[in-house]
Protein backbone atom coordinates (compact mmCIF):
# COMPACT_ATOMS: atom_id res chain seq x y z
CA MET A 1 -11.76 15.68 5.15
CA GLN A 2 -10.01 14.22 2.04
CA LEU A 3 -7.21 11.73 1.49
CA ASN A 4 -5.14 11.47 -1.86
CA LEU A 5 -4.32 7.98 -2.12
CA LYS A 6 -1.88 6.33 -4.63
CA LEU A 7 -2.74 2.94 -5.83
CA THR A 8 0.01 0.79 -7.57
CA SER A 9 -1.47 -2.39 -9.27
CA ILE A 10 0.57 -5.73 -9.66
CA ASP A 11 1.24 -4.95 -13.16
CA GLY A 12 2.92 -1.64 -12.12
CA THR A 13 0.42 0.81 -13.10
CA SER A 14 -0.19 3.83 -10.82
CA THR A 15 -3.35 5.55 -10.12
CA GLU A 16 -4.13 8.50 -7.64
CA ILE A 17 -7.55 8.51 -6.12
CA SER A 18 -9.12 11.03 -3.56
CA THR A 19 -11.86 10.32 -1.05
CA THR A 20 -14.91 12.12 -0.68
CA LEU A 21 -17.35 12.76 2.40
CA SER A 22 -19.43 10.04 1.01
CA THR A 23 -16.26 7.38 0.86
CA ILE A 24 -15.48 8.53 4.52
CA VAL A 25 -19.05 8.06 5.59
CA ALA A 26 -18.96 4.48 3.76
CA TRP A 27 -15.79 3.69 5.90
CA GLU A 28 -17.41 4.73 9.30
CA ARG A 29 -20.57 2.53 8.49
CA LYS A 30 -18.55 -0.63 7.54
CA PHE A 31 -16.02 -0.47 10.20
CA LYS A 32 -18.16 1.06 12.87
CA ARG A 33 -15.61 3.79 13.49
CA LYS A 34 -15.40 7.79 13.35
CA ALA A 35 -13.28 9.76 11.08
CA SER A 36 -11.80 11.32 13.86
CA GLN A 37 -10.41 7.90 15.23
CA MET A 38 -8.12 7.86 12.04
CA SER A 39 -5.61 9.81 14.10
CA GLU A 40 -5.24 6.66 16.41
CA GLY A 41 -4.34 4.62 13.17
CA VAL A 42 -5.55 2.97 10.15
CA GLY A 43 -4.78 -0.64 8.67
CA VAL A 44 -3.93 -1.34 5.12
CA GLU A 45 -7.73 -2.59 4.87
CA ASP A 46 -9.20 0.59 5.81
CA LEU A 47 -6.88 2.37 3.03
CA MET A 48 -7.85 0.23 0.57
CA PHE A 49 -11.49 0.05 1.43
CA LEU A 50 -11.25 3.97 1.13
CA ALA A 51 -9.68 3.65 -2.19
CA TRP A 52 -12.06 0.95 -3.37
CA GLU A 53 -15.10 3.04 -2.45
CA ALA A 54 -13.33 6.18 -4.13
CA THR A 55 -12.80 4.35 -7.25
CA ARG A 56 -16.42 3.07 -7.55
CA ALA A 57 -17.96 6.63 -6.59
CA SER A 58 -15.99 8.14 -9.36
CA GLY A 59 -17.62 5.82 -11.97
CA ILE A 60 -14.94 3.41 -12.69
CA THR A 61 -16.10 -0.20 -12.66
CA VAL A 62 -14.19 -2.26 -10.13
CA PRO A 63 -14.43 -5.88 -9.06
CA LEU A 64 -15.26 -7.14 -5.52
CA PHE A 65 -13.52 -5.65 -2.67
CA ASP A 66 -11.21 -8.88 -2.45
CA LYS A 67 -10.23 -9.20 -5.84
CA PHE A 68 -9.64 -5.32 -5.91
CA ILE A 69 -7.05 -5.94 -3.16
CA GLU A 70 -5.64 -9.05 -4.91
CA GLY A 71 -4.77 -6.76 -8.01
CA MET A 72 -2.86 -4.17 -6.03
CA ALA A 73 0.63 -4.20 -5.13
CA ASN A 74 0.96 -1.03 -2.85
CA ILE A 75 -1.01 1.85 -1.50
CA GLU A 76 0.06 5.16 0.06
CA VAL A 77 -1.18 8.20 1.23
CA ILE A 78 0.20 11.22 -0.81
CA GLU A 79 -1.77 13.90 0.81
CA SER A 80 -4.43 14.73 3.53
CA ASN A 81 -6.25 17.90 3.89
CA ASP A 82 -6.70 16.99 7.59
CA PRO A 83 -3.20 16.58 9.26
CA LYS A 84 -4.78 15.56 12.52
CA ALA A 85 -6.72 12.66 10.93
CA LEU A 86 -3.51 10.89 9.96
CA ALA A 87 -0.86 11.60 12.60
CA ASP A 88 1.70 9.29 11.17
CA GLN A 89 1.06 8.47 7.51
CA SER A 90 4.60 6.43 7.33
CA ALA A 91 3.20 3.89 9.76
CA MET A 92 0.63 2.92 6.99
CA ARG A 93 2.86 2.26 4.28
């Protein structure tokens, strides 16, 4: 499973980041949910955690999670290779 996310910072800079298996597992551990439950809906915090973890995993130094969130203006799912995992992406925007 892979999600491609577009982050827009408060200064207007946009970045695209992709999740990996390890970022999905980190999400499962933190939120005590299974990836298959994403089809039931995910919140903005879920998406932000995935983006934060994927950014960290790519080798980019990021601030602590809450500071990372404070620096962002928007997040959107631009693609998923598992359409069942996110049945209604528009609900998360």
